[in-house]
Amino acid sequence: MEGLSRDDMERMMFFETAREQAELEFKANDKDAQALTRWGGALLELAHFRSGEDSYAMILSAVEKFKQAISIDGKRHDAQWCLGNAYTSQGFLTADSGRAHRFFEQATEQFNEALKQDPSNAVYQKALEMTQKAPELHAELQRQLAAQGETLNLGGGGGGGASSTATKGGISDLWYDIAGWGILVAIGFGVVALSKNVPQPGAAAAVR
């Protein structure tokens, strides 16, 4: 893809390989909740390398994988944590504050559930703390976009479907500065869980 650094290309290839392997493992055993969680986690990371509706569609697909994993194994707190991250991402990609807040509430529920399963997990605790700030960050994101004459509404609602006119100098920087924490799955369990039997490139190892 144009515009990607060598490290980004390696990272994208790493997660694409992880996605393919997790998909194969799930096809071999459709009760494998771990494979589903890794599949969804890879999709969530790969959404970073897509834009507009393609990115949002990948997040939606990740949500379905996490939900399926939890339905198979309700004690998969990593899947609950990832689902919370996916909901957070959806919230930030939705312009309407009411819809966005509902996504943040769903994220909070998932982080709380994950913490019930693993109360000492500092990553889950941090995610929960950050989600409490999400409505304020969302409002600031929308203010900055409006000031730049840009819009971002990939979550539908609030006026007629998915749309995005955010440009690389605008939403790209805002997304990583304000909301990027919400979908960096690799920083938590990702590099370990997603890299099961997948050769790690130098870039992926550096994420830790």
N, C-alpha and C. Protein backbone atom coordinates (compact mmCIF):
# COMPACT_ATOMS: atom_id res chain seq x y z
N MET A 1 0.83 -1.20 0.00
CA MET A 1 0.00 0.00 0.00
C MET A 1 0.87 1.25 0.00
N GLU A 2 0.42 2.25 -0.76
CA GLU A 2 1.18 3.47 -0.85
C GLU A 2 1.19 4.22 0.48
N GLY A 3 2.32 4.84 0.76
CA GLY A 3 2.39 5.69 1.94
C GLY A 3 2.78 4.98 3.22
N LEU A 4 2.87 3.65 3.21
CA LEU A 4 3.22 2.91 4.40
C LEU A 4 4.73 2.79 4.53
N SER A 5 5.22 2.94 5.76
CA SER A 5 6.63 2.75 6.01
C SER A 5 6.95 1.26 5.97
N ARG A 6 8.23 0.95 5.95
CA ARG A 6 8.63 -0.46 5.95
C ARG A 6 8.12 -1.17 7.19
N ASP A 7 8.22 -0.50 8.36
CA ASP A 7 7.73 -1.10 9.60
C ASP A 7 6.24 -1.36 9.53
N ASP A 8 5.49 -0.41 8.99
CA ASP A 8 4.04 -0.59 8.87
C ASP A 8 3.71 -1.74 7.92
N MET A 9 4.46 -1.85 6.84
CA MET A 9 4.23 -2.94 5.90
C MET A 9 4.48 -4.29 6.57
N GLU A 10 5.55 -4.38 7.34
CA GLU A 10 5.86 -5.62 8.05
C GLU A 10 4.77 -5.94 9.06
N ARG A 11 4.32 -4.91 9.75
CA ARG A 11 3.27 -5.11 10.76
C ARG A 11 1.97 -5.56 10.11
N MET A 12 1.62 -4.95 9.00
CA MET A 12 0.41 -5.35 8.29
C MET A 12 0.51 -6.80 7.81
N MET A 13 1.66 -7.16 7.28
CA MET A 13 1.86 -8.53 6.81
C MET A 13 1.80 -9.53 7.96
N PHE A 14 2.35 -9.11 9.12
CA PHE A 14 2.32 -9.96 10.30
C PHE A 14 0.89 -10.28 10.71
N PHE A 15 0.05 -9.24 10.78
CA PHE A 15 -1.33 -9.45 11.21
C PHE A 15 -2.16 -10.12 10.14
N GLU A 16 -1.83 -9.92 8.88
CA GLU A 16 -2.53 -10.63 7.82
C GLU A 16 -2.22 -12.13 7.90
N THR A 17 -0.97 -12.45 8.18
CA THR A 17 -0.60 -13.86 8.36
C THR A 17 -1.31 -14.45 9.57
N ALA A 18 -1.37 -13.67 10.66
CA ALA A 18 -2.06 -14.13 11.87
C ALA A 18 -3.54 -14.35 11.59
N ARG A 19 -4.14 -13.45 10.81
CA ARG A 19 -5.56 -13.59 10.46
C ARG A 19 -5.80 -14.88 9.67
N GLU A 20 -4.96 -15.11 8.67
CA GLU A 20 -5.12 -16.29 7.83
C GLU A 20 -4.97 -17.57 8.64
N GLN A 21 -3.99 -17.58 9.55
CA GLN A 21 -3.76 -18.79 10.34
C GLN A 21 -4.91 -19.03 11.30
N ALA A 22 -5.39 -17.97 11.94
CA ALA A 22 -6.50 -18.12 12.89
C ALA A 22 -7.75 -18.61 12.15
N GLU A 23 -7.98 -18.10 10.95
CA GLU A 23 -9.13 -18.54 10.16
C GLU A 23 -9.03 -20.03 9.84
N LEU A 24 -7.84 -20.47 9.46
CA LEU A 24 -7.64 -21.89 9.16
C LEU A 24 -7.87 -22.75 10.40
N GLU A 25 -7.39 -22.29 11.54
CA GLU A 25 -7.56 -23.05 12.78
C GLU A 25 -9.03 -23.15 13.16
N PHE A 26 -9.78 -22.07 12.95
CA PHE A 26 -11.20 -22.12 13.28
C PHE A 26 -11.96 -23.03 12.33
N LYS A 27 -11.57 -23.03 11.06
CA LYS A 27 -12.22 -23.92 10.10
C LYS A 27 -11.96 -25.38 10.46
N ALA A 28 -10.81 -25.64 11.07
CA ALA A 28 -10.50 -27.00 11.49
C ALA A 28 -11.24 -27.39 12.75
N ASN A 29 -11.61 -26.40 13.56
CA ASN A 29 -12.32 -26.65 14.82
C ASN A 29 -13.22 -25.45 15.11
N ASP A 30 -14.50 -25.58 14.78
CA ASP A 30 -15.41 -24.44 14.91
C ASP A 30 -15.84 -24.16 16.35
N LYS A 31 -15.18 -24.81 17.31
CA LYS A 31 -15.40 -24.52 18.72
C LYS A 31 -14.16 -23.86 19.34
N ASP A 32 -13.24 -23.48 18.51
CA ASP A 32 -11.97 -22.90 18.97
C ASP A 32 -12.14 -21.40 19.23
N ALA A 33 -12.48 -21.06 20.46
CA ALA A 33 -12.71 -19.66 20.83
C ALA A 33 -11.43 -18.84 20.76
N GLN A 34 -10.30 -19.48 21.05
CA GLN A 34 -9.03 -18.76 20.98
C GLN A 34 -8.72 -18.34 19.55
N ALA A 35 -8.96 -19.23 18.60
CA ALA A 35 -8.72 -18.89 17.20
C ALA A 35 -9.61 -17.74 16.76
N LEU A 36 -10.87 -17.76 17.20
CA LEU A 36 -11.78 -16.67 16.87
C LEU A 36 -11.30 -15.34 17.45
N THR A 37 -10.80 -15.40 18.68
CA THR A 37 -10.31 -14.18 19.33
C THR A 37 -9.10 -13.63 18.58
N ARG A 38 -8.19 -14.52 18.19
CA ARG A 38 -7.01 -14.08 17.44
C ARG A 38 -7.40 -13.57 16.05
N TRP A 39 -8.38 -14.20 15.45
CA TRP A 39 -8.89 -13.77 14.15
C TRP A 39 -9.46 -12.35 14.25
N GLY A 40 -10.31 -12.14 15.24
CA GLY A 40 -10.88 -10.82 15.44
C GLY A 40 -9.84 -9.78 15.79
N GLY A 41 -8.86 -10.17 16.62
CA GLY A 41 -7.81 -9.23 17.00
C GLY A 41 -6.98 -8.80 15.80
N ALA A 42 -6.71 -9.74 14.91
CA ALA A 42 -5.95 -9.40 13.71
C ALA A 42 -6.75 -8.47 12.81
N LEU A 43 -8.05 -8.72 12.68
CA LEU A 43 -8.90 -7.85 11.88
C LEU A 43 -8.92 -6.44 12.45
N LEU A 44 -8.97 -6.34 13.78
CA LEU A 44 -9.00 -5.03 14.42
C LEU A 44 -7.72 -4.26 14.16
N GLU A 45 -6.60 -4.96 14.18
CA GLU A 45 -5.33 -4.32 13.87
C GLU A 45 -5.26 -3.94 12.39
N LEU A 46 -5.72 -4.83 11.53
CA LEU A 46 -5.66 -4.55 10.09
C LEU A 46 -6.55 -3.38 9.68
N ALA A 47 -7.55 -3.08 10.50
CA ALA A 47 -8.41 -1.93 10.22
C ALA A 47 -7.61 -0.64 10.19
N HIS A 48 -6.46 -0.62 10.90
CA HIS A 48 -5.58 0.55 10.87
C HIS A 48 -5.09 0.85 9.46
N PHE A 49 -4.98 -0.19 8.65
CA PHE A 49 -4.37 -0.03 7.33
C PHE A 49 -5.41 0.12 6.23
N ARG A 50 -6.67 0.26 6.62
CA ARG A 50 -7.74 0.53 5.67
C ARG A 50 -8.27 1.93 5.93
N SER A 51 -9.12 2.40 5.06
CA SER A 51 -9.70 3.73 5.24
C SER A 51 -11.19 3.68 4.97
N GLY A 52 -11.90 4.66 5.53
CA GLY A 52 -13.32 4.80 5.26
C GLY A 52 -14.13 3.56 5.61
N GLU A 53 -15.05 3.23 4.72
CA GLU A 53 -15.97 2.13 4.97
C GLU A 53 -15.26 0.78 5.05
N ASP A 54 -14.15 0.64 4.35
CA ASP A 54 -13.40 -0.63 4.41
C ASP A 54 -12.90 -0.87 5.84
N SER A 55 -12.42 0.18 6.47
CA SER A 55 -11.93 0.07 7.84
C SER A 55 -13.07 -0.29 8.78
N TYR A 56 -14.20 0.39 8.62
CA TYR A 56 -15.33 0.15 9.52
C TYR A 56 -15.88 -1.26 9.33
N ALA A 57 -15.93 -1.72 8.08
CA ALA A 57 -16.42 -3.08 7.82
C ALA A 57 -15.53 -4.11 8.49
N MET A 58 -14.23 -3.85 8.51
CA MET A 58 -13.30 -4.78 9.15
C MET A 58 -13.52 -4.81 10.66
N ILE A 59 -13.83 -3.66 11.24
CA ILE A 59 -14.13 -3.59 12.67
C ILE A 59 -15.41 -4.38 12.96
N LEU A 60 -16.42 -4.22 12.12
CA LEU A 60 -17.67 -4.97 12.30
C LEU A 60 -17.42 -6.47 12.25
N SER A 61 -16.58 -6.89 11.33
CA SER A 61 -16.25 -8.30 11.23
C SER A 61 -15.54 -8.78 12.49
N ALA A 62 -14.65 -7.96 13.03
CA ALA A 62 -13.96 -8.30 14.27
C ALA A 62 -14.96 -8.45 15.42
N VAL A 63 -15.93 -7.54 15.49
CA VAL A 63 -16.95 -7.61 16.54
C VAL A 63 -17.66 -8.95 16.50
N GLU A 64 -18.02 -9.40 15.31
CA GLU A 64 -18.71 -10.68 15.18
C GLU A 64 -17.84 -11.84 15.65
N LYS A 65 -16.55 -11.78 15.35
CA LYS A 65 -15.65 -12.85 15.78
C LYS A 65 -15.55 -12.89 17.31
N PHE A 66 -15.44 -11.72 17.94
CA PHE A 66 -15.33 -11.68 19.40
C PHE A 66 -16.63 -12.18 20.05
N LYS A 67 -17.76 -11.76 19.52
CA LYS A 67 -19.04 -12.22 20.07
C LYS A 67 -19.17 -13.73 19.95
N GLN A 68 -18.74 -14.27 18.83
CA GLN A 68 -18.81 -15.71 18.63
C GLN A 68 -17.89 -16.44 19.60
N ALA A 69 -16.70 -15.88 19.81
CA ALA A 69 -15.76 -16.49 20.76
C ALA A 69 -16.35 -16.52 22.16
N ILE A 70 -16.98 -15.42 22.57
CA ILE A 70 -17.57 -15.33 23.90
C ILE A 70 -18.76 -16.28 24.03
N SER A 71 -19.51 -16.46 22.95
CA SER A 71 -20.65 -17.39 23.00
C SER A 71 -20.17 -18.83 23.17
N ILE A 72 -18.99 -19.13 22.66
CA ILE A 72 -18.41 -20.47 22.82
C ILE A 72 -17.80 -20.64 24.20
N ASP A 73 -17.11 -19.60 24.67
CA ASP A 73 -16.43 -19.65 25.96
C ASP A 73 -16.62 -18.31 26.66
N GLY A 74 -17.59 -18.27 27.57
CA GLY A 74 -17.92 -17.04 28.26
C GLY A 74 -16.85 -16.54 29.20
N LYS A 75 -15.81 -17.32 29.41
CA LYS A 75 -14.73 -16.91 30.31
C LYS A 75 -13.52 -16.36 29.55
N ARG A 76 -13.66 -16.16 28.27
CA ARG A 76 -12.54 -15.61 27.48
C ARG A 76 -12.48 -14.11 27.70
N HIS A 77 -11.77 -13.71 28.74
CA HIS A 77 -11.71 -12.28 29.06
C HIS A 77 -10.92 -11.50 28.02
N ASP A 78 -10.00 -12.17 27.31
CA ASP A 78 -9.29 -11.44 26.26
C ASP A 78 -10.24 -11.07 25.12
N ALA A 79 -11.20 -11.95 24.82
CA ALA A 79 -12.19 -11.64 23.79
C ALA A 79 -13.10 -10.50 24.25
N GLN A 80 -13.45 -10.50 25.54
CA GLN A 80 -14.29 -9.43 26.07
C GLN A 80 -13.56 -8.09 26.00
N TRP A 81 -12.26 -8.12 26.32
CA TRP A 81 -11.46 -6.91 26.26
C TRP A 81 -11.36 -6.40 24.82
N CYS A 82 -11.12 -7.31 23.88
CA CYS A 82 -11.03 -6.93 22.47
C CYS A 82 -12.36 -6.39 21.97
N LEU A 83 -13.45 -7.01 22.39
CA LEU A 83 -14.77 -6.52 21.98
C LEU A 83 -14.99 -5.11 22.51
N GLY A 84 -14.55 -4.85 23.72
CA GLY A 84 -14.64 -3.49 24.26
C GLY A 84 -13.85 -2.50 23.41
N ASN A 85 -12.67 -2.90 22.96
CA ASN A 85 -11.87 -2.04 22.09
C ASN A 85 -12.57 -1.79 20.76
N ALA A 86 -13.21 -2.82 20.23
CA ALA A 86 -13.92 -2.67 18.96
C ALA A 86 -15.09 -1.70 19.11
N TYR A 87 -15.83 -1.83 20.22
CA TYR A 87 -16.94 -0.91 20.46
C TYR A 87 -16.43 0.53 20.61
N THR A 88 -15.30 0.68 21.29
CA THR A 88 -14.71 2.01 21.43
C THR A 88 -14.38 2.59 20.07
N SER A 89 -13.82 1.78 19.20
CA SER A 89 -13.48 2.23 17.85
C SER A 89 -14.73 2.67 17.10
N GLN A 90 -15.79 1.87 17.21
CA GLN A 90 -17.03 2.24 16.55
C GLN A 90 -17.57 3.57 17.06
N GLY A 91 -17.43 3.78 18.36
CA GLY A 91 -17.90 5.03 18.93
C GLY A 91 -17.18 6.23 18.34
N PHE A 92 -15.86 6.14 18.24
CA PHE A 92 -15.09 7.26 17.71
C PHE A 92 -15.32 7.47 16.21
N LEU A 93 -15.75 6.43 15.52
CA LEU A 93 -16.01 6.56 14.09
C LEU A 93 -17.45 6.94 13.79
N THR A 94 -18.22 7.26 14.82
CA THR A 94 -19.63 7.64 14.69
C THR A 94 -19.79 9.10 15.08
N ALA A 95 -20.34 9.90 14.19
CA ALA A 95 -20.45 11.34 14.46
C ALA A 95 -21.51 11.65 15.50
N ASP A 96 -22.63 10.94 15.46
CA ASP A 96 -23.73 11.22 16.39
C ASP A 96 -23.32 10.88 17.81
N SER A 97 -23.41 11.86 18.72
CA SER A 97 -22.94 11.65 20.09
C SER A 97 -23.75 10.60 20.83
N GLY A 98 -25.06 10.54 20.58
CA GLY A 98 -25.88 9.55 21.25
C GLY A 98 -25.48 8.14 20.90
N ARG A 99 -25.30 7.89 19.60
CA ARG A 99 -24.88 6.55 19.15
C ARG A 99 -23.48 6.24 19.64
N ALA A 100 -22.61 7.24 19.58
CA ALA A 100 -21.24 7.03 20.05
C ALA A 100 -21.23 6.66 21.52
N HIS A 101 -22.01 7.35 22.32
CA HIS A 101 -22.04 7.07 23.76
C HIS A 101 -22.56 5.67 24.04
N ARG A 102 -23.49 5.20 23.23
CA ARG A 102 -23.99 3.84 23.42
C ARG A 102 -22.88 2.82 23.14
N PHE A 103 -22.06 3.09 22.14
CA PHE A 103 -20.91 2.22 21.89
C PHE A 103 -19.94 2.25 23.08
N PHE A 104 -19.72 3.43 23.64
CA PHE A 104 -18.81 3.54 24.78
C PHE A 104 -19.37 2.79 25.99
N GLU A 105 -20.69 2.83 26.15
CA GLU A 105 -21.32 2.09 27.26
C GLU A 105 -21.15 0.59 27.07
N GLN A 106 -21.30 0.13 25.82
CA GLN A 106 -21.08 -1.29 25.54
C GLN A 106 -19.63 -1.67 25.80
N ALA A 107 -18.71 -0.78 25.46
CA ALA A 107 -17.30 -1.04 25.71
C ALA A 107 -17.05 -1.16 27.21
N THR A 108 -17.64 -0.26 27.98
CA THR A 108 -17.48 -0.29 29.43
C THR A 108 -17.97 -1.61 30.01
N GLU A 109 -19.09 -2.08 29.51
CA GLU A 109 -19.64 -3.36 29.97
C GLU A 109 -18.66 -4.50 29.72
N GLN A 110 -18.06 -4.50 28.54
CA GLN A 110 -17.12 -5.58 28.21
C GLN A 110 -15.85 -5.50 29.04
N PHE A 111 -15.34 -4.29 29.27
CA PHE A 111 -14.14 -4.16 30.09
C PHE A 111 -14.42 -4.60 31.53
N ASN A 112 -15.60 -4.26 32.02
CA ASN A 112 -15.98 -4.69 33.37
C ASN A 112 -16.06 -6.21 33.45
N GLU A 113 -16.63 -6.82 32.42
CA GLU A 113 -16.73 -8.28 32.39
C GLU A 113 -15.34 -8.91 32.35
N ALA A 114 -14.45 -8.33 31.56
CA ALA A 114 -13.09 -8.85 31.49
C ALA A 114 -12.40 -8.75 32.84
N LEU A 115 -12.62 -7.65 33.54
CA LEU A 115 -12.00 -7.45 34.86
C LEU A 115 -12.57 -8.41 35.90
N LYS A 116 -13.83 -8.79 35.76
CA LYS A 116 -14.40 -9.78 36.67
C LYS A 116 -13.66 -11.10 36.55
N GLN A 117 -13.28 -11.42 35.31
CA GLN A 117 -12.57 -12.68 35.06
C GLN A 117 -11.10 -12.59 35.48
N ASP A 118 -10.52 -11.39 35.33
CA ASP A 118 -9.09 -11.20 35.62
C ASP A 118 -8.90 -9.86 36.32
N PRO A 119 -9.25 -9.77 37.62
CA PRO A 119 -9.28 -8.50 38.35
C PRO A 119 -7.93 -7.78 38.44
N SER A 120 -6.85 -8.49 38.34
CA SER A 120 -5.53 -7.87 38.50
C SER A 120 -4.91 -7.41 37.18
N ASN A 121 -5.64 -7.54 36.09
CA ASN A 121 -5.09 -7.20 34.78
C ASN A 121 -5.04 -5.68 34.60
N ALA A 122 -3.83 -5.15 34.58
CA ALA A 122 -3.64 -3.70 34.49
C ALA A 122 -4.08 -3.14 33.13
N VAL A 123 -3.94 -3.95 32.07
CA VAL A 123 -4.35 -3.50 30.74
C VAL A 123 -5.86 -3.30 30.68
N TYR A 124 -6.59 -4.25 31.26
CA TYR A 124 -8.05 -4.13 31.28
C TYR A 124 -8.48 -2.92 32.11
N GLN A 125 -7.80 -2.74 33.24
CA GLN A 125 -8.13 -1.61 34.11
C GLN A 125 -7.89 -0.29 33.39
N LYS A 126 -6.78 -0.20 32.67
CA LYS A 126 -6.46 1.03 31.94
C LYS A 126 -7.49 1.28 30.85
N ALA A 127 -7.90 0.22 30.17
CA ALA A 127 -8.91 0.37 29.12
C ALA A 127 -10.21 0.91 29.70
N LEU A 128 -10.59 0.40 30.86
CA LEU A 128 -11.81 0.88 31.51
C LEU A 128 -11.68 2.35 31.89
N GLU A 129 -10.54 2.72 32.43
CA GLU A 129 -10.32 4.12 32.82
C GLU A 129 -10.38 5.04 31.60
N MET A 130 -9.76 4.62 30.52
CA MET A 130 -9.75 5.45 29.31
C MET A 130 -11.15 5.59 28.71
N THR A 131 -11.94 4.53 28.81
CA THR A 131 -13.28 4.58 28.24
C THR A 131 -14.16 5.59 28.96
N GLN A 132 -13.88 5.82 30.24
CA GLN A 132 -14.63 6.84 30.97
C GLN A 132 -14.39 8.23 30.37
N LYS A 133 -13.25 8.40 29.73
CA LYS A 133 -12.92 9.68 29.12
C LYS A 133 -13.38 9.76 27.65
N ALA A 134 -13.89 8.65 27.13
CA ALA A 134 -14.22 8.58 25.71
C ALA A 134 -15.24 9.63 25.26
N PRO A 135 -16.33 9.87 26.00
CA PRO A 135 -17.28 10.88 25.53
C PRO A 135 -16.64 12.27 25.37
N GLU A 136 -15.78 12.64 26.30
CA GLU A 136 -15.11 13.93 26.21
C GLU A 136 -14.17 13.97 25.01
N LEU A 137 -13.43 12.88 24.79
CA LEU A 137 -12.52 12.81 23.66
C LEU A 137 -13.29 12.82 22.34
N HIS A 138 -14.43 12.14 22.33
CA HIS A 138 -15.27 12.12 21.13
C HIS A 138 -15.74 13.52 20.79
N ALA A 139 -16.19 14.25 21.80
CA ALA A 139 -16.65 15.62 21.57
C ALA A 139 -15.53 16.49 21.03
N GLU A 140 -14.33 16.32 21.57
CA GLU A 140 -13.19 17.11 21.10
C GLU A 140 -12.84 16.74 19.67
N LEU A 141 -12.91 15.44 19.35
CA LEU A 141 -12.65 14.98 17.99
C LEU A 141 -13.61 15.64 17.01
N GLN A 142 -14.90 15.66 17.37
CA GLN A 142 -15.90 16.25 16.49
C GLN A 142 -15.68 17.75 16.34
N ARG A 143 -15.28 18.42 17.42
CA ARG A 143 -15.02 19.86 17.35
C ARG A 143 -13.86 20.16 16.41
N GLN A 144 -12.81 19.36 16.51
CA GLN A 144 -11.64 19.60 15.67
C GLN A 144 -11.95 19.30 14.20
N LEU A 145 -12.73 18.26 13.97
CA LEU A 145 -13.12 17.95 12.60
C LEU A 145 -13.98 19.06 12.01
N ALA A 146 -14.92 19.57 12.81
CA ALA A 146 -15.79 20.64 12.34
C ALA A 146 -14.97 21.89 12.01
N ALA A 147 -13.97 22.16 12.85
CA ALA A 147 -13.13 23.34 12.63
C ALA A 147 -12.34 23.22 11.34
N GLN A 148 -12.06 21.98 10.92
CA GLN A 148 -11.30 21.76 9.69
C GLN A 148 -12.22 21.54 8.49
N GLY A 149 -13.53 21.64 8.74
CA GLY A 149 -14.48 21.43 7.66
C GLY A 149 -14.56 20.00 7.21
N GLU A 150 -14.30 19.07 8.12
CA GLU A 150 -14.30 17.66 7.80
C GLU A 150 -15.41 16.95 8.55
N THR A 151 -15.76 15.78 8.08
CA THR A 151 -16.76 14.95 8.75
C THR A 151 -16.24 13.53 8.85
N LEU A 152 -16.75 12.80 9.85
CA LEU A 152 -16.41 11.39 9.99
C LEU A 152 -17.61 10.70 10.58
N ASN A 153 -18.29 9.90 9.79
CA ASN A 153 -19.48 9.21 10.27
C ASN A 153 -19.59 7.87 9.58
N LEU A 154 -18.76 6.94 10.00
CA LEU A 154 -18.76 5.61 9.40
C LEU A 154 -19.70 4.67 10.12
N GLY A 155 -20.26 5.12 11.25
CA GLY A 155 -21.12 4.25 12.03
C GLY A 155 -22.58 4.37 11.70
N GLY A 156 -22.93 5.21 10.71
CA GLY A 156 -24.33 5.37 10.33
C GLY A 156 -25.08 6.21 11.34
N GLY A 157 -26.31 6.52 11.03
CA GLY A 157 -27.13 7.32 11.93
C GLY A 157 -26.80 8.78 11.80
N GLY A 158 -27.66 9.61 12.33
CA GLY A 158 -27.40 11.04 12.35
C GLY A 158 -27.34 11.65 10.98
N GLY A 159 -28.14 11.14 10.05
CA GLY A 159 -28.20 11.85 8.78
C GLY A 159 -27.77 11.09 7.56
N GLY A 160 -28.17 9.86 7.45
CA GLY A 160 -28.10 9.26 6.13
C GLY A 160 -26.91 8.41 5.81
N GLY A 161 -26.49 7.57 6.73
CA GLY A 161 -25.53 6.56 6.34
C GLY A 161 -24.09 6.95 6.55
N ALA A 162 -23.21 6.04 6.13
CA ALA A 162 -21.79 6.20 6.38
C ALA A 162 -21.21 7.25 5.45
N SER A 163 -20.37 8.10 6.02
CA SER A 163 -19.69 9.09 5.20
C SER A 163 -18.38 9.46 5.85
N SER A 164 -17.44 9.87 5.03
CA SER A 164 -16.17 10.33 5.56
C SER A 164 -15.51 11.25 4.56
N THR A 165 -15.21 12.47 5.00
CA THR A 165 -14.45 13.38 4.16
C THR A 165 -13.18 13.80 4.86
N ALA A 166 -12.81 13.08 5.93
CA ALA A 166 -11.61 13.44 6.68
C ALA A 166 -10.38 13.15 5.83
N THR A 167 -9.41 14.05 5.87
CA THR A 167 -8.23 13.92 5.04
C THR A 167 -7.03 13.49 5.84
N LYS A 168 -5.98 13.12 5.15
CA LYS A 168 -4.81 12.55 5.80
C LYS A 168 -4.19 13.52 6.81
N GLY A 169 -4.11 14.75 6.59
CA GLY A 169 -3.51 15.66 7.55
C GLY A 169 -4.39 15.93 8.73
N GLY A 170 -5.71 15.59 8.62
CA GLY A 170 -6.64 15.90 9.68
C GLY A 170 -6.97 14.71 10.54
N ILE A 171 -7.93 13.89 10.07
CA ILE A 171 -8.40 12.79 10.89
C ILE A 171 -7.32 11.78 11.17
N SER A 172 -6.36 11.60 10.26
CA SER A 172 -5.29 10.65 10.51
C SER A 172 -4.57 10.99 11.81
N ASP A 173 -4.16 12.25 11.95
CA ASP A 173 -3.47 12.65 13.16
C ASP A 173 -4.39 12.59 14.37
N LEU A 174 -5.63 13.06 14.22
CA LEU A 174 -6.57 13.06 15.33
C LEU A 174 -6.88 11.65 15.79
N TRP A 175 -7.04 10.76 14.80
CA TRP A 175 -7.40 9.39 15.13
C TRP A 175 -6.35 8.73 16.01
N TYR A 176 -5.09 8.90 15.66
CA TYR A 176 -4.05 8.26 16.45
C TYR A 176 -3.79 9.01 17.75
N ASP A 177 -3.95 10.33 17.76
CA ASP A 177 -3.72 11.10 18.97
C ASP A 177 -4.84 10.91 19.98
N ILE A 178 -6.09 10.88 19.51
CA ILE A 178 -7.23 10.88 20.42
C ILE A 178 -7.81 9.50 20.63
N ALA A 179 -7.93 8.73 19.56
CA ALA A 179 -8.65 7.46 19.67
C ALA A 179 -7.81 6.24 19.40
N GLY A 180 -6.58 6.41 19.02
CA GLY A 180 -5.77 5.26 18.64
C GLY A 180 -5.62 4.24 19.73
N TRP A 181 -5.64 4.68 20.99
CA TRP A 181 -5.51 3.75 22.10
C TRP A 181 -6.62 2.71 22.10
N GLY A 182 -7.74 3.04 21.50
CA GLY A 182 -8.89 2.15 21.57
C GLY A 182 -8.73 0.88 20.78
N ILE A 183 -7.92 0.88 19.72
CA ILE A 183 -7.85 -0.32 18.89
C ILE A 183 -6.44 -0.88 18.74
N LEU A 184 -5.52 -0.46 19.59
CA LEU A 184 -4.17 -1.03 19.51
C LEU A 184 -4.13 -2.35 20.28
N VAL A 185 -4.76 -3.35 19.72
CA VAL A 185 -4.88 -4.64 20.39
C VAL A 185 -3.51 -5.26 20.64
N ALA A 186 -2.57 -5.02 19.77
CA ALA A 186 -1.27 -5.68 19.89
C ALA A 186 -0.53 -5.29 21.16
N ILE A 187 -0.80 -4.12 21.69
CA ILE A 187 -0.05 -3.67 22.87
C ILE A 187 -0.38 -4.52 24.09
N GLY A 188 -1.59 -5.04 24.16
CA GLY A 188 -1.96 -5.86 25.31
C GLY A 188 -1.57 -7.31 25.11
N PHE A 189 -2.55 -8.15 24.77
CA PHE A 189 -2.24 -9.57 24.60
C PHE A 189 -1.84 -9.88 23.17
N GLY A 190 -2.02 -8.91 22.27
CA GLY A 190 -1.99 -9.18 20.85
C GLY A 190 -0.75 -9.83 20.31
N VAL A 191 0.42 -9.24 20.57
CA VAL A 191 1.64 -9.78 19.98
C VAL A 191 1.86 -11.22 20.42
N VAL A 192 1.52 -11.52 21.67
CA VAL A 192 1.69 -12.88 22.17
C VAL A 192 0.63 -13.80 21.59
N ALA A 193 -0.64 -13.38 21.70
CA ALA A 193 -1.73 -14.25 21.29
C ALA A 193 -1.83 -14.40 19.79
N LEU A 194 -1.65 -13.30 19.07
CA LEU A 194 -1.81 -13.36 17.63
C LEU A 194 -0.63 -14.02 16.94
N SER A 195 0.50 -14.06 17.60
CA SER A 195 1.70 -14.57 16.95
C SER A 195 1.92 -16.05 17.19
N LYS A 196 0.94 -16.74 17.68
CA LYS A 196 1.08 -18.17 17.89
C LYS A 196 1.46 -18.86 16.58
N ASN A 197 2.66 -19.39 16.55
CA ASN A 197 3.19 -20.08 15.37
C ASN A 197 3.36 -19.18 14.16
N VAL A 198 3.34 -17.86 14.37
CA VAL A 198 3.52 -16.93 13.24
C VAL A 198 4.88 -16.27 13.42
N PRO A 199 5.78 -16.35 12.44
CA PRO A 199 7.08 -15.69 12.56
C PRO A 199 6.90 -14.19 12.77
N GLN A 200 7.55 -13.63 13.78
CA GLN A 200 7.41 -12.22 14.08
C GLN A 200 8.41 -11.40 13.30
N PRO A 201 7.94 -10.35 12.61
CA PRO A 201 8.87 -9.42 11.99
C PRO A 201 9.45 -8.50 13.04
N GLY A 202 10.50 -7.80 12.72
CA GLY A 202 11.10 -6.89 13.68
C GLY A 202 10.14 -5.85 14.16
N ALA A 203 9.26 -5.35 13.28
CA ALA A 203 8.33 -4.31 13.67
C ALA A 203 7.36 -4.80 14.72
N ALA A 204 6.84 -6.02 14.54
CA ALA A 204 5.88 -6.53 15.51
C ALA A 204 6.55 -6.73 16.86
N ALA A 205 7.76 -7.20 16.86
CA ALA A 205 8.44 -7.39 18.13
C ALA A 205 8.65 -6.07 18.83
N ALA A 206 8.84 -4.99 18.08
CA ALA A 206 9.10 -3.69 18.68
C ALA A 206 7.86 -3.09 19.31
N VAL A 207 6.69 -3.62 19.00
CA VAL A 207 5.46 -3.06 19.56
C VAL A 207 5.37 -3.31 21.04
N ARG A 208 6.01 -4.37 21.50
CA ARG A 208 5.89 -4.75 22.91
C ARG A 208 6.45 -3.68 23.82
